[in-house]
């Protein structure tokens, strides 16, 4: 009987941790959306539409972090899922979230590489422009 109560206690504890991880993931998404919206409005007001990629990267970082928390919650759910049907559903959700996170990370790396290339090109042209106008 004591063994059964300990098992129930562990399952209850895991469910609370899972709920906390899901809530934290949702909070991270909300923070990311609010921050990206504020950056978007600021970019519109000052008419800096070139900043949109930076805004997308900011939101992407928050979404990627939130997906990690959601995936952690899914893993916790599979630890205490009582039926194979529930485990299968949770596995499918975990796969979908992992694939989303993979492609989101890939897109973020490509955007960052594009920004770096653009910055390096601007610096190189500024340096070459300075050397040409310099008196000898």
C-alpha atoms as a PDB file:
ATOM      1  CA  UNK A   1       0.000   0.000   0.000  1.00  0.00           C
ATOM      2  CA  UNK A   2       2.849   2.400   0.852  1.00  0.00           C
ATOM      3  CA  UNK A   3       4.431   1.643  -2.542  1.00  0.00           C
ATOM      4  CA  UNK A   4       1.222   2.633  -4.334  1.00  0.00           C
ATOM      5  CA  UNK A   5       1.028   5.957  -2.489  1.00  0.00           C
ATOM      6  CA  UNK A   6       4.652   6.758  -3.303  1.00  0.00           C
ATOM      7  CA  UNK A   7       3.995   6.033  -6.977  1.00  0.00           C
ATOM      8  CA  UNK A   8       0.926   8.278  -6.934  1.00  0.00           C
ATOM      9  CA  UNK A   9       2.973  11.017  -5.262  1.00  0.00           C
ATOM     10  CA  UNK A  10       5.664  10.804  -7.946  1.00  0.00           C
ATOM     11  CA  UNK A  11       3.056  10.941 -10.714  1.00  0.00           C
ATOM     12  CA  UNK A  12       1.387  13.942  -9.097  1.00  0.00           C
ATOM     13  CA  UNK A  13       4.743  15.712  -8.714  1.00  0.00           C
ATOM     14  CA  UNK A  14       5.671  15.042 -12.350  1.00  0.00           C
ATOM     15  CA  UNK A  15       2.314  16.423 -13.493  1.00  0.00           C
ATOM     16  CA  UNK A  16       2.907  19.647 -11.529  1.00  0.00           C
ATOM     17  CA  UNK A  17       6.403  20.006 -12.991  1.00  0.00           C
ATOM     18  CA  UNK A  18       4.975  19.368 -16.467  1.00  0.00           C
ATOM     19  CA  UNK A  19       2.329  22.029 -15.907  1.00  0.00           C
ATOM     20  CA  UNK A  20       5.034  24.463 -14.765  1.00  0.00           C
ATOM     21  CA  UNK A  21       7.137  23.770 -17.873  1.00  0.00           C
ATOM     22  CA  UNK A  22       4.114  24.286 -20.143  1.00  0.00           C
ATOM     23  CA  UNK A  23       3.182  27.516 -18.356  1.00  0.00           C
ATOM     24  CA  UNK A  24       6.757  28.776 -18.604  1.00  0.00           C
ATOM     25  CA  UNK A  25       6.793  27.961 -22.327  1.00  0.00           C
ATOM     26  CA  UNK A  26       3.555  29.906 -22.827  1.00  0.00           C
ATOM     27  CA  UNK A  27       4.951  32.835 -20.820  1.00  0.00           C
ATOM     28  CA  UNK A  28       8.087  32.884 -22.973  1.00  0.00           C
ATOM     29  CA  UNK A  29       5.975  32.967 -26.151  1.00  0.00           C
ATOM     30  CA  UNK A  30       3.915  35.834 -24.721  1.00  0.00           C
ATOM     31  CA  UNK A  31       7.055  37.795 -23.776  1.00  0.00           C
ATOM     32  CA  UNK A  32       8.547  37.210 -27.209  1.00  0.00           C
ATOM     33  CA  UNK A  33       5.394  38.365 -28.963  1.00  0.00           C
ATOM     34  CA  UNK A  34       5.163  41.495 -26.797  1.00  0.00           C
ATOM     35  CA  UNK A  35       8.817  42.368 -27.340  1.00  0.00           C
ATOM     36  CA  UNK A  36       8.632  41.733 -31.091  1.00  0.00           C
ATOM     37  CA  UNK A  37       5.445  43.813 -31.319  1.00  0.00           C
ATOM     38  CA  UNK A  38       7.119  46.693 -29.464  1.00  0.00           C
ATOM     39  CA  UNK A  39      10.168  46.498 -31.742  1.00  0.00           C
ATOM     40  CA  UNK A  40       7.885  46.362 -34.783  1.00  0.00           C
ATOM     41  CA  UNK A  41       5.940  49.449 -33.721  1.00  0.00           C
ATOM     42  CA  UNK A  42       9.192  51.293 -32.995  1.00  0.00           C
ATOM     43  CA  UNK A  43      10.578  50.349 -36.425  1.00  0.00           C
ATOM     44  CA  UNK A  44       7.388  51.607 -38.080  1.00  0.00           C
ATOM     45  CA  UNK A  45       7.456  54.891 -36.174  1.00  0.00           C
ATOM     46  CA  UNK A  46      11.069  55.662 -37.090  1.00  0.00           C
ATOM     47  CA  UNK A  47      10.567  54.186 -40.568  1.00  0.00           C
ATOM     48  CA  UNK A  48      13.372  51.648 -40.298  1.00  0.00           C
ATOM     49  CA  UNK A  49      11.858  48.776 -42.238  1.00  0.00           C
ATOM     50  CA  UNK A  50      15.314  47.218 -42.596  1.00  0.00           C
ATOM     51  CA  UNK A  51      15.003  46.217 -38.923  1.00  0.00           C
ATOM     52  CA  UNK A  52      12.295  43.652 -39.686  1.00  0.00           C
ATOM     53  CA  UNK A  53      14.812  40.794 -39.930  1.00  0.00           C
ATOM     54  CA  UNK A  54      16.165  41.685 -36.497  1.00  0.00           C
ATOM     55  CA  UNK A  55      12.601  41.628 -35.155  1.00  0.00           C
ATOM     56  CA  UNK A  56      12.002  38.213 -36.724  1.00  0.00           C
ATOM     57  CA  UNK A  57      15.207  36.909 -35.140  1.00  0.00           C
ATOM     58  CA  UNK A  58      14.167  38.229 -31.747  1.00  0.00           C
ATOM     59  CA  UNK A  59      10.786  36.506 -31.970  1.00  0.00           C
ATOM     60  CA  UNK A  60      12.396  33.331 -33.311  1.00  0.00           C
ATOM     61  CA  UNK A  61      14.718  33.109 -30.317  1.00  0.00           C
ATOM     62  CA  UNK A  62      11.802  33.311 -27.899  1.00  0.00           C
ATOM     63  CA  UNK A  63       9.798  30.749 -29.884  1.00  0.00           C
ATOM     64  CA  UNK A  64      12.741  28.336 -29.988  1.00  0.00           C
ATOM     65  CA  UNK A  65      13.226  28.613 -26.227  1.00  0.00           C
ATOM     66  CA  UNK A  66       9.504  28.133 -25.601  1.00  0.00           C
ATOM     67  CA  UNK A  67       9.479  25.038 -27.831  1.00  0.00           C
ATOM     68  CA  UNK A  68      12.273  23.548 -25.708  1.00  0.00           C
ATOM     69  CA  UNK A  69      10.182  24.005 -22.559  1.00  0.00           C
ATOM     70  CA  UNK A  70       7.131  22.534 -24.283  1.00  0.00           C
ATOM     71  CA  UNK A  71       9.184  19.561 -25.443  1.00  0.00           C
ATOM     72  CA  UNK A  72      10.427  19.063 -21.878  1.00  0.00           C
ATOM     73  CA  UNK A  73       6.818  19.035 -20.693  1.00  0.00           C
ATOM     74  CA  UNK A  74       6.003  16.420 -23.352  1.00  0.00           C
ATOM     75  CA  UNK A  75       8.866  14.233 -22.184  1.00  0.00           C
ATOM     76  CA  UNK A  76       7.597  14.465 -18.606  1.00  0.00           C
ATOM     77  CA  UNK A  77       4.129  13.483 -19.818  1.00  0.00           C
ATOM     78  CA  UNK A  78       5.451  10.339 -21.467  1.00  0.00           C
ATOM     79  CA  UNK A  79       7.100   9.370 -18.181  1.00  0.00           C
ATOM     80  CA  UNK A  80       3.722   8.998 -16.496  1.00  0.00           C
ATOM     81  CA  UNK A  81       1.375   8.322 -19.464  1.00  0.00           C
ATOM     82  CA  UNK A  82      -0.740   5.302 -18.552  1.00  0.00           C
ATOM     83  CA  UNK A  83      -1.661   4.032 -22.042  1.00  0.00           C
ATOM     84  CA  UNK A  84       0.142   3.382 -25.318  1.00  0.00           C
ATOM     85  CA  UNK A  85      -2.374   5.618 -27.092  1.00  0.00           C
ATOM     86  CA  UNK A  86      -1.422   8.576 -24.891  1.00  0.00           C
ATOM     87  CA  UNK A  87       2.269   7.802 -25.316  1.00  0.00           C
ATOM     88  CA  UNK A  88       1.773   7.703 -29.108  1.00  0.00           C
ATOM     89  CA  UNK A  89      -0.024  11.055 -29.117  1.00  0.00           C
ATOM     90  CA  UNK A  90       2.647  12.634 -26.938  1.00  0.00           C
ATOM     91  CA  UNK A  91       5.345  11.162 -29.171  1.00  0.00           C
ATOM     92  CA  UNK A  92       3.722  12.678 -32.263  1.00  0.00           C
ATOM     93  CA  UNK A  93       3.482  16.070 -30.547  1.00  0.00           C
ATOM     94  CA  UNK A  94       7.123  15.822 -29.461  1.00  0.00           C
ATOM     95  CA  UNK A  95       8.206  14.999 -33.024  1.00  0.00           C
ATOM     96  CA  UNK A  96       6.234  17.942 -34.441  1.00  0.00           C
ATOM     97  CA  UNK A  97       7.734  20.326 -31.877  1.00  0.00           C
ATOM     98  CA  UNK A  98      11.242  18.994 -32.492  1.00  0.00           C
ATOM     99  CA  UNK A  99      10.873  19.449 -36.260  1.00  0.00           C
ATOM    100  CA  UNK A 100       9.507  22.976 -35.750  1.00  0.00           C
ATOM    101  CA  UNK A 101      12.416  23.805 -33.471  1.00  0.00           C
ATOM    102  CA  UNK A 102      14.921  22.399 -35.969  1.00  0.00           C
ATOM    103  CA  UNK A 103      13.622  24.488 -38.858  1.00  0.00           C
ATOM    104  CA  UNK A 104      13.239  27.560 -36.671  1.00  0.00           C
ATOM    105  CA  UNK A 105      16.869  27.207 -35.577  1.00  0.00           C
ATOM    106  CA  UNK A 106      17.967  26.703 -39.169  1.00  0.00           C
ATOM    107  CA  UNK A 107      16.132  29.847 -40.265  1.00  0.00           C
ATOM    108  CA  UNK A 108      17.672  31.831 -37.395  1.00  0.00           C
ATOM    109  CA  UNK A 109      21.197  30.711 -38.378  1.00  0.00           C
ATOM    110  CA  UNK A 110      20.559  31.690 -42.013  1.00  0.00           C
ATOM    111  CA  UNK A 111      19.203  35.110 -40.992  1.00  0.00           C
ATOM    112  CA  UNK A 112      22.179  35.720 -38.700  1.00  0.00           C
ATOM    113  CA  UNK A 113      24.617  34.695 -41.442  1.00  0.00           C
ATOM    114  CA  UNK A 114      22.868  37.065 -43.866  1.00  0.00           C
ATOM    115  CA  UNK A 115      23.051  39.923 -41.363  1.00  0.00           C
ATOM    116  CA  UNK A 116      26.755  39.256 -40.733  1.00  0.00           C
ATOM    117  CA  UNK A 117      27.476  39.199 -44.462  1.00  0.00           C
ATOM    118  CA  UNK A 118      25.634  42.490 -44.919  1.00  0.00           C
ATOM    119  CA  UNK A 119      27.513  44.080 -42.022  1.00  0.00           C
ATOM    120  CA  UNK A 120      30.876  42.869 -43.306  1.00  0.00           C
ATOM    121  CA  UNK A 121      30.061  44.207 -46.779  1.00  0.00           C
ATOM    122  CA  UNK A 122      29.097  47.616 -45.310  1.00  0.00           C
ATOM    123  CA  UNK A 123      32.282  47.782 -43.253  1.00  0.00           C
ATOM    124  CA  UNK A 124      34.413  46.747 -46.229  1.00  0.00           C
ATOM    125  CA  UNK A 125      32.859  49.380 -48.487  1.00  0.00           C
ATOM    126  CA  UNK A 126      33.213  52.033 -45.783  1.00  0.00           C
ATOM    127  CA  UNK A 127      36.885  51.169 -45.313  1.00  0.00           C
ATOM    128  CA  UNK A 128      37.589  51.140 -49.052  1.00  0.00           C
ATOM    129  CA  UNK A 129      35.694  54.426 -49.431  1.00  0.00           C
ATOM    130  CA  UNK A 130      37.797  56.040 -46.701  1.00  0.00           C
ATOM    131  CA  UNK A 131      41.079  54.940 -48.233  1.00  0.00           C
ATOM    132  CA  UNK A 132      40.122  56.406 -51.606  1.00  0.00           C
ATOM    133  CA  UNK A 133      39.247  59.843 -50.202  1.00  0.00           C
ATOM    134  CA  UNK A 134      42.301  60.050 -47.981  1.00  0.00           C
ATOM    135  CA  UNK A 135      44.924  62.539 -49.207  1.00  0.00           C
ATOM    136  CA  UNK A 136      48.327  61.049 -50.025  1.00  0.00           C
END
